[in-house]
Amino acid sequence: MAYLSSKNGLHFQKLQSFLEKYCPDNPALQNSFYSYNREETDYSYFWEHLADIQKHNEEFRDYIRKHCNLGIKLKQFIENF
């Protein structure tokens, strides 16, 4: 896949931005995401920490729901445009 051809490609820049918000204090999880996106096949971290990752996903989802209302942000953007 072309977007995976470079660590410095746009895909990896977006991935890095996401991971800085999603799991800033978990470099092992970040590395797992990078490995997956480089199509490497070692998923051991995910399987070994699946319960913790699922819990983090739920907490992150709840945070997004509470603090990041996309509809309100879009309305504010349009009003300020």
PDB file of N, CA and C in Angstrom:
ATOM      1  N   MET A   1       0.835  -1.181   0.000  1.00  0.00           N
ATOM      2  CA  MET A   1       0.000   0.000   0.000  1.00  0.00           C
ATOM      3  C   MET A   1       0.878   1.242   0.000  1.00  0.00           C
ATOM      4  N   ALA A   2       0.548   2.178  -0.844  1.00  0.00           N
ATOM      5  CA  ALA A   2       1.388   3.361  -1.019  1.00  0.00           C
ATOM      6  C   ALA A   2       1.502   4.191   0.252  1.00  0.00           C
ATOM      7  N   TYR A   3       0.419   4.317   0.998  1.00  0.00           N
ATOM      8  CA  TYR A   3       0.483   5.174   2.187  1.00  0.00           C
ATOM      9  C   TYR A   3       1.309   4.564   3.298  1.00  0.00           C
ATOM     10  N   LEU A   4       1.678   3.310   3.170  1.00  0.00           N
ATOM     11  CA  LEU A   4       2.518   2.662   4.167  1.00  0.00           C
ATOM     12  C   LEU A   4       3.985   2.630   3.761  1.00  0.00           C
ATOM     13  N   SER A   5       4.311   3.217   2.629  1.00  0.00           N
ATOM     14  CA  SER A   5       5.653   3.069   2.085  1.00  0.00           C
ATOM     15  C   SER A   5       6.721   3.842   2.850  1.00  0.00           C
ATOM     16  N   SER A   6       6.330   4.774   3.679  1.00  0.00           N
ATOM     17  CA  SER A   6       7.325   5.578   4.376  1.00  0.00           C
ATOM     18  C   SER A   6       6.875   5.873   5.796  1.00  0.00           C
ATOM     19  N   LYS A   7       7.800   5.775   6.737  1.00  0.00           N
ATOM     20  CA  LYS A   7       7.490   6.147   8.119  1.00  0.00           C
ATOM     21  C   LYS A   7       7.114   7.618   8.205  1.00  0.00           C
ATOM     22  N   ASN A   8       7.613   8.402   7.264  1.00  0.00           N
ATOM     23  CA  ASN A   8       7.364   9.839   7.285  1.00  0.00           C
ATOM     24  C   ASN A   8       6.180  10.239   6.421  1.00  0.00           C
ATOM     25  N   GLY A   9       5.463   9.255   5.875  1.00  0.00           N
ATOM     26  CA  GLY A   9       4.325   9.554   5.018  1.00  0.00           C
ATOM     27  C   GLY A   9       3.175  10.180   5.783  1.00  0.00           C
ATOM     28  N   LEU A  10       2.251  10.720   5.040  1.00  0.00           N
ATOM     29  CA  LEU A  10       1.098  11.397   5.631  1.00  0.00           C
ATOM     30  C   LEU A  10       0.315  10.472   6.557  1.00  0.00           C
ATOM     31  N   HIS A  11       0.166   9.222   6.180  1.00  0.00           N
ATOM     32  CA  HIS A  11      -0.569   8.279   7.028  1.00  0.00           C
ATOM     33  C   HIS A  11       0.057   8.191   8.416  1.00  0.00           C
ATOM     34  N   PHE A  12       1.370   8.102   8.470  1.00  0.00           N
ATOM     35  CA  PHE A  12       2.038   7.974   9.760  1.00  0.00           C
ATOM     36  C   PHE A  12       2.001   9.280  10.553  1.00  0.00           C
ATOM     37  N   GLN A  13       1.961  10.409   9.867  1.00  0.00           N
ATOM     38  CA  GLN A  13       1.802  11.682  10.571  1.00  0.00           C
ATOM     39  C   GLN A  13       0.435  11.742  11.244  1.00  0.00           C
ATOM     40  N   LYS A  14      -0.604  11.295  10.527  1.00  0.00           N
ATOM     41  CA  LYS A  14      -1.948  11.277  11.113  1.00  0.00           C
ATOM     42  C   LYS A  14      -2.025  10.264  12.246  1.00  0.00           C
ATOM     43  N   LEU A  15      -1.396   9.120  12.051  1.00  0.00           N
ATOM     44  CA  LEU A  15      -1.387   8.101  13.097  1.00  0.00           C
ATOM     45  C   LEU A  15      -0.706   8.638  14.352  1.00  0.00           C
ATOM     46  N   GLN A  16       0.413   9.303  14.183  1.00  0.00           N
ATOM     47  CA  GLN A  16       1.125   9.871  15.328  1.00  0.00           C
ATOM     48  C   GLN A  16       0.253  10.890  16.058  1.00  0.00           C
ATOM     49  N   SER A  17      -0.424  11.748  15.321  1.00  0.00           N
ATOM     50  CA  SER A  17      -1.304  12.740  15.947  1.00  0.00           C
ATOM     51  C   SER A  17      -2.401  12.060  16.753  1.00  0.00           C
ATOM     52  N   PHE A  18      -2.986  11.008  16.182  1.00  0.00           N
ATOM     53  CA  PHE A  18      -4.025  10.271  16.899  1.00  0.00           C
ATOM     54  C   PHE A  18      -3.469   9.633  18.168  1.00  0.00           C
ATOM     55  N   LEU A  19      -2.325   8.971  18.053  1.00  0.00           N
ATOM     56  CA  LEU A  19      -1.763   8.261  19.200  1.00  0.00           C
ATOM     57  C   LEU A  19      -1.346   9.210  20.318  1.00  0.00           C
ATOM     58  N   GLU A  20      -0.944  10.422  19.970  1.00  0.00           N
ATOM     59  CA  GLU A  20      -0.600  11.415  20.993  1.00  0.00           C
ATOM     60  C   GLU A  20      -1.815  11.765  21.850  1.00  0.00           C
ATOM     61  N   LYS A  21      -2.999  11.658  21.269  1.00  0.00           N
ATOM     62  CA  LYS A  21      -4.235  11.916  22.017  1.00  0.00           C
ATOM     63  C   LYS A  21      -4.756  10.633  22.668  1.00  0.00           C
ATOM     64  N   TYR A  22      -4.680   9.533  21.941  1.00  0.00           N
ATOM     65  CA  TYR A  22      -5.298   8.280  22.374  1.00  0.00           C
ATOM     66  C   TYR A  22      -4.524   7.585  23.495  1.00  0.00           C
ATOM     67  N   CYS A  23      -3.218   7.517  23.369  1.00  0.00           N
ATOM     68  CA  CYS A  23      -2.422   6.791  24.380  1.00  0.00           C
ATOM     69  C   CYS A  23      -1.056   7.457  24.578  1.00  0.00           C
ATOM     70  N   PRO A  24      -1.043   8.707  25.055  1.00  0.00           N
ATOM     71  CA  PRO A  24       0.224   9.435  25.172  1.00  0.00           C
ATOM     72  C   PRO A  24       1.214   8.814  26.150  1.00  0.00           C
ATOM     73  N   ASP A  25       0.720   8.064  27.123  1.00  0.00           N
ATOM     74  CA  ASP A  25       1.596   7.500  28.156  1.00  0.00           C
ATOM     75  C   ASP A  25       1.846   6.008  27.978  1.00  0.00           C
ATOM     76  N   ASN A  26       1.595   5.499  26.773  1.00  0.00           N
ATOM     77  CA  ASN A  26       1.764   4.066  26.541  1.00  0.00           C
ATOM     78  C   ASN A  26       2.566   3.828  25.257  1.00  0.00           C
ATOM     79  N   PRO A  27       3.885   3.999  25.318  1.00  0.00           N
ATOM     80  CA  PRO A  27       4.703   3.826  24.115  1.00  0.00           C
ATOM     81  C   PRO A  27       4.637   2.411  23.542  1.00  0.00           C
ATOM     82  N   ALA A  28       4.422   1.415  24.375  1.00  0.00           N
ATOM     83  CA  ALA A  28       4.328   0.045  23.856  1.00  0.00           C
ATOM     84  C   ALA A  28       3.098  -0.106  22.966  1.00  0.00           C
ATOM     85  N   LEU A  29       1.985   0.473  23.367  1.00  0.00           N
ATOM     86  CA  LEU A  29       0.781   0.423  22.536  1.00  0.00           C
ATOM     87  C   LEU A  29       0.984   1.233  21.261  1.00  0.00           C
ATOM     88  N   GLN A  30       1.622   2.385  21.378  1.00  0.00           N
ATOM     89  CA  GLN A  30       1.921   3.180  20.184  1.00  0.00           C
ATOM     90  C   GLN A  30       2.769   2.377  19.203  1.00  0.00           C
ATOM     91  N   ASN A  31       3.802   1.720  19.713  1.00  0.00           N
ATOM     92  CA  ASN A  31       4.663   0.913  18.843  1.00  0.00           C
ATOM     93  C   ASN A  31       3.887  -0.210  18.181  1.00  0.00           C
ATOM     94  N   SER A  32       2.923  -0.772  18.896  1.00  0.00           N
ATOM     95  CA  SER A  32       2.099  -1.821  18.307  1.00  0.00           C
ATOM     96  C   SER A  32       1.276  -1.282  17.142  1.00  0.00           C
ATOM     97  N   PHE A  33       0.743  -0.073  17.297  1.00  0.00           N
ATOM     98  CA  PHE A  33       0.001   0.540  16.199  1.00  0.00           C
ATOM     99  C   PHE A  33       0.907   0.790  14.995  1.00  0.00           C
ATOM    100  N   TYR A  34       2.110   1.305  15.254  1.00  0.00           N
ATOM    101  CA  TYR A  34       3.045   1.541  14.151  1.00  0.00           C
ATOM    102  C   TYR A  34       3.404   0.230  13.455  1.00  0.00           C
ATOM    103  N   SER A  35       3.665  -0.803  14.231  1.00  0.00           N
ATOM    104  CA  SER A  35       4.006  -2.106  13.644  1.00  0.00           C
ATOM    105  C   SER A  35       2.869  -2.627  12.786  1.00  0.00           C
ATOM    106  N   TYR A  36       1.660  -2.544  13.305  1.00  0.00           N
ATOM    107  CA  TYR A  36       0.489  -2.997  12.551  1.00  0.00           C
ATOM    108  C   TYR A  36       0.378  -2.235  11.234  1.00  0.00           C
ATOM    109  N   ASN A  37       0.604  -0.929  11.279  1.00  0.00           N
ATOM    110  CA  ASN A  37       0.475  -0.107  10.084  1.00  0.00           C
ATOM    111  C   ASN A  37       1.640  -0.265   9.119  1.00  0.00           C
ATOM    112  N   ARG A  38       2.712  -0.885   9.577  1.00  0.00           N
ATOM    113  CA  ARG A  38       3.812  -1.245   8.668  1.00  0.00           C
ATOM    114  C   ARG A  38       3.631  -2.673   8.170  1.00  0.00           C
ATOM    115  N   GLU A  39       2.474  -3.244   8.477  1.00  0.00           N
ATOM    116  CA  GLU A  39       2.105  -4.605   8.078  1.00  0.00           C
ATOM    117  C   GLU A  39       3.038  -5.651   8.663  1.00  0.00           C
ATOM    118  N   GLU A  40       3.561  -5.367   9.846  1.00  0.00           N
ATOM    119  CA  GLU A  40       4.328  -6.368  10.579  1.00  0.00           C
ATOM    120  C   GLU A  40       3.328  -7.283  11.283  1.00  0.00           C
ATOM    121  N   THR A  41       3.733  -8.491  11.591  1.00  0.00           N
ATOM    122  CA  THR A  41       2.759  -9.489  12.036  1.00  0.00           C
ATOM    123  C   THR A  41       2.861  -9.890  13.498  1.00  0.00           C
ATOM    124  N   ASP A  42       3.596  -9.160  14.293  1.00  0.00           N
ATOM    125  CA  ASP A  42       3.678  -9.492  15.716  1.00  0.00           C
ATOM    126  C   ASP A  42       2.595  -8.722  16.469  1.00  0.00           C
ATOM    127  N   TYR A  43       1.528  -9.431  16.818  1.00  0.00           N
ATOM    128  CA  TYR A  43       0.418  -8.812  17.533  1.00  0.00           C
ATOM    129  C   TYR A  43       0.405  -9.223  19.002  1.00  0.00           C
ATOM    130  N   SER A  44       1.526  -9.676  19.502  1.00  0.00           N
ATOM    131  CA  SER A  44       1.575 -10.214  20.863  1.00  0.00           C
ATOM    132  C   SER A  44       1.169  -9.174  21.908  1.00  0.00           C
ATOM    133  N   TYR A  45       1.585  -7.924  21.739  1.00  0.00           N
ATOM    134  CA  TYR A  45       1.224  -6.905  22.731  1.00  0.00           C
ATOM    135  C   TYR A  45      -0.290  -6.751  22.812  1.00  0.00           C
ATOM    136  N   PHE A  46      -0.947  -6.698  21.648  1.00  0.00           N
ATOM    137  CA  PHE A  46      -2.401  -6.558  21.642  1.00  0.00           C
ATOM    138  C   PHE A  46      -3.068  -7.711  22.387  1.00  0.00           C
ATOM    139  N   TRP A  47      -2.659  -8.942  22.072  1.00  0.00           N
ATOM    140  CA  TRP A  47      -3.305 -10.100  22.701  1.00  0.00           C
ATOM    141  C   TRP A  47      -3.009 -10.160  24.194  1.00  0.00           C
ATOM    142  N   GLU A  48      -1.791  -9.843  24.577  1.00  0.00           N
ATOM    143  CA  GLU A  48      -1.415  -9.912  25.993  1.00  0.00           C
ATOM    144  C   GLU A  48      -2.095  -8.824  26.829  1.00  0.00           C
ATOM    145  N   HIS A  49      -2.463  -7.726  26.200  1.00  0.00           N
ATOM    146  CA  HIS A  49      -3.039  -6.588  26.924  1.00  0.00           C
ATOM    147  C   HIS A  49      -4.454  -6.252  26.453  1.00  0.00           C
ATOM    148  N   LEU A  50      -5.117  -7.216  25.850  1.00  0.00           N
ATOM    149  CA  LEU A  50      -6.422  -6.961  25.243  1.00  0.00           C
ATOM    150  C   LEU A  50      -7.431  -6.386  26.239  1.00  0.00           C
ATOM    151  N   ALA A  51      -7.515  -6.941  27.430  1.00  0.00           N
ATOM    152  CA  ALA A  51      -8.483  -6.440  28.421  1.00  0.00           C
ATOM    153  C   ALA A  51      -8.187  -4.982  28.785  1.00  0.00           C
ATOM    154  N   ASP A  52      -6.911  -4.648  28.967  1.00  0.00           N
ATOM    155  CA  ASP A  52      -6.538  -3.265  29.289  1.00  0.00           C
ATOM    156  C   ASP A  52      -6.843  -2.325  28.125  1.00  0.00           C
ATOM    157  N   ILE A  53      -6.590  -2.785  26.906  1.00  0.00           N
ATOM    158  CA  ILE A  53      -6.857  -1.964  25.720  1.00  0.00           C
ATOM    159  C   ILE A  53      -8.359  -1.732  25.579  1.00  0.00           C
ATOM    160  N   GLN A  54      -9.159  -2.770  25.804  1.00  0.00           N
ATOM    161  CA  GLN A  54     -10.610  -2.612  25.726  1.00  0.00           C
ATOM    162  C   GLN A  54     -11.106  -1.605  26.762  1.00  0.00           C
ATOM    163  N   LYS A  55     -10.574  -1.678  27.972  1.00  0.00           N
ATOM    164  CA  LYS A  55     -10.958  -0.732  29.030  1.00  0.00           C
ATOM    165  C   LYS A  55     -10.562   0.692  28.632  1.00  0.00           C
ATOM    166  N   HIS A  56      -9.355   0.838  28.098  1.00  0.00           N
ATOM    167  CA  HIS A  56      -8.899   2.156  27.657  1.00  0.00           C
ATOM    168  C   HIS A  56      -9.793   2.676  26.529  1.00  0.00           C
ATOM    169  N   ASN A  57     -10.181   1.810  25.592  1.00  0.00           N
ATOM    170  CA  ASN A  57     -11.070   2.216  24.502  1.00  0.00           C
ATOM    171  C   ASN A  57     -12.375   2.783  25.046  1.00  0.00           C
ATOM    172  N   GLU A  58     -12.939   2.110  26.038  1.00  0.00           N
ATOM    173  CA  GLU A  58     -14.194   2.572  26.626  1.00  0.00           C
ATOM    174  C   GLU A  58     -14.010   3.920  27.323  1.00  0.00           C
ATOM    175  N   GLU A  59     -12.914   4.077  28.047  1.00  0.00           N
ATOM    176  CA  GLU A  59     -12.647   5.346  28.725  1.00  0.00           C
ATOM    177  C   GLU A  59     -12.420   6.470  27.720  1.00  0.00           C
ATOM    178  N   PHE A  60     -11.687   6.172  26.645  1.00  0.00           N
ATOM    179  CA  PHE A  60     -11.423   7.174  25.617  1.00  0.00           C
ATOM    180  C   PHE A  60     -12.724   7.549  24.915  1.00  0.00           C
ATOM    181  N   ARG A  61     -13.564   6.553  24.603  1.00  0.00           N
ATOM    182  CA  ARG A  61     -14.866   6.808  23.987  1.00  0.00           C
ATOM    183  C   ARG A  61     -15.701   7.735  24.870  1.00  0.00           C
ATOM    184  N   ASP A  62     -15.750   7.444  26.162  1.00  0.00           N
ATOM    185  CA  ASP A  62     -16.538   8.259  27.083  1.00  0.00           C
ATOM    186  C   ASP A  62     -16.000   9.686  27.160  1.00  0.00           C
ATOM    187  N   TYR A  63     -14.682   9.834  27.150  1.00  0.00           N
ATOM    188  CA  TYR A  63     -14.072  11.163  27.165  1.00  0.00           C
ATOM    189  C   TYR A  63     -14.467  11.944  25.907  1.00  0.00           C
ATOM    190  N   ILE A  64     -14.379  11.288  24.752  1.00  0.00           N
ATOM    191  CA  ILE A  64     -14.732  11.942  23.487  1.00  0.00           C
ATOM    192  C   ILE A  64     -16.195  12.372  23.513  1.00  0.00           C
ATOM    193  N   ARG A  65     -17.064  11.490  23.959  1.00  0.00           N
ATOM    194  CA  ARG A  65     -18.491  11.824  24.028  1.00  0.00           C
ATOM    195  C   ARG A  65     -18.746  13.028  24.927  1.00  0.00           C
ATOM    196  N   LYS A  66     -18.024  13.108  26.019  1.00  0.00           N
ATOM    197  CA  LYS A  66     -18.252  14.176  26.995  1.00  0.00           C
ATOM    198  C   LYS A  66     -17.624  15.504  26.575  1.00  0.00           C
ATOM    199  N   HIS A  67     -16.447  15.461  25.958  1.00  0.00           N
ATOM    200  CA  HIS A  67     -15.673  16.678  25.731  1.00  0.00           C
ATOM    201  C   HIS A  67     -15.518  17.095  24.272  1.00  0.00           C
ATOM    202  N   CYS A  68     -15.896  16.270  23.341  1.00  0.00           N
ATOM    203  CA  CYS A  68     -15.584  16.562  21.935  1.00  0.00           C
ATOM    204  C   CYS A  68     -16.825  16.427  21.065  1.00  0.00           C
ATOM    205  N   ASN A  69     -17.796  17.295  21.269  1.00  0.00           N
ATOM    206  CA  ASN A  69     -19.026  17.249  20.498  1.00  0.00           C
ATOM    207  C   ASN A  69     -18.764  17.824  19.110  1.00  0.00           C
ATOM    208  N   LEU A  70     -18.698  16.956  18.124  1.00  0.00           N
ATOM    209  CA  LEU A  70     -18.366  17.371  16.765  1.00  0.00           C
ATOM    210  C   LEU A  70     -19.405  18.328  16.197  1.00  0.00           C
ATOM    211  N   GLY A  71     -20.674  18.109  16.510  1.00  0.00           N
ATOM    212  CA  GLY A  71     -21.728  19.003  16.022  1.00  0.00           C
ATOM    213  C   GLY A  71     -21.538  20.423  16.516  1.00  0.00           C
ATOM    214  N   ILE A  72     -21.242  20.570  17.795  1.00  0.00           N
ATOM    215  CA  ILE A  72     -21.017  21.903  18.367  1.00  0.00           C
ATOM    216  C   ILE A  72     -19.767  22.532  17.768  1.00  0.00           C
ATOM    217  N   LYS A  73     -18.707  21.757  17.622  1.00  0.00           N
ATOM    218  CA  LYS A  73     -17.470  22.295  17.043  1.00  0.00           C
ATOM    219  C   LYS A  73     -17.693  22.754  15.599  1.00  0.00           C
ATOM    220  N   LEU A  74     -18.470  21.992  14.825  1.00  0.00           N
ATOM    221  CA  LEU A  74     -18.767  22.368  13.447  1.00  0.00           C
ATOM    222  C   LEU A  74     -19.596  23.648  13.419  1.00  0.00           C
ATOM    223  N   LYS A  75     -20.591  23.747  14.279  1.00  0.00           N
ATOM    224  CA  LYS A  75     -21.417  24.952  14.366  1.00  0.00           C
ATOM    225  C   LYS A  75     -20.549  26.168  14.706  1.00  0.00           C
ATOM    226  N   GLN A  76     -19.662  26.030  15.686  1.00  0.00           N
ATOM    227  CA  GLN A  76     -18.776  27.135  16.066  1.00  0.00           C
ATOM    228  C   GLN A  76     -17.864  27.523  14.909  1.00  0.00           C
ATOM    229  N   PHE A  77     -17.351  26.533  14.196  1.00  0.00           N
ATOM    230  CA  PHE A  77     -16.478  26.813  13.052  1.00  0.00           C
ATOM    231  C   PHE A  77     -17.227  27.623  11.998  1.00  0.00           C
ATOM    232  N   ILE A  78     -18.451  27.201  11.686  1.00  0.00           N
ATOM    233  CA  ILE A  78     -19.242  27.894  10.663  1.00  0.00           C
ATOM    234  C   ILE A  78     -19.564  29.313  11.114  1.00  0.00           C
ATOM    235  N   GLU A  79     -19.937  29.477  12.368  1.00  0.00           N
ATOM    236  CA  GLU A  79     -20.272  30.810  12.879  1.00  0.00           C
ATOM    237  C   GLU A  79     -19.061  31.738  12.879  1.00  0.00           C
ATOM    238  N   ASN A  80     -17.886  31.198  13.099  1.00  0.00           N
ATOM    239  CA  ASN A  80     -16.669  32.018  13.141  1.00  0.00           C
ATOM    240  C   ASN A  80     -16.022  32.198  11.780  1.00  0.00           C
ATOM    241  N   PHE A  81     -16.527  31.527  10.772  1.00  0.00           N
ATOM    242  CA  PHE A  81     -15.929  31.580   9.443  1.00  0.00           C
ATOM    243  C   PHE A  81     -16.217  32.873   8.800  1.00  0.00           C
TER     244      PHE A  81
END
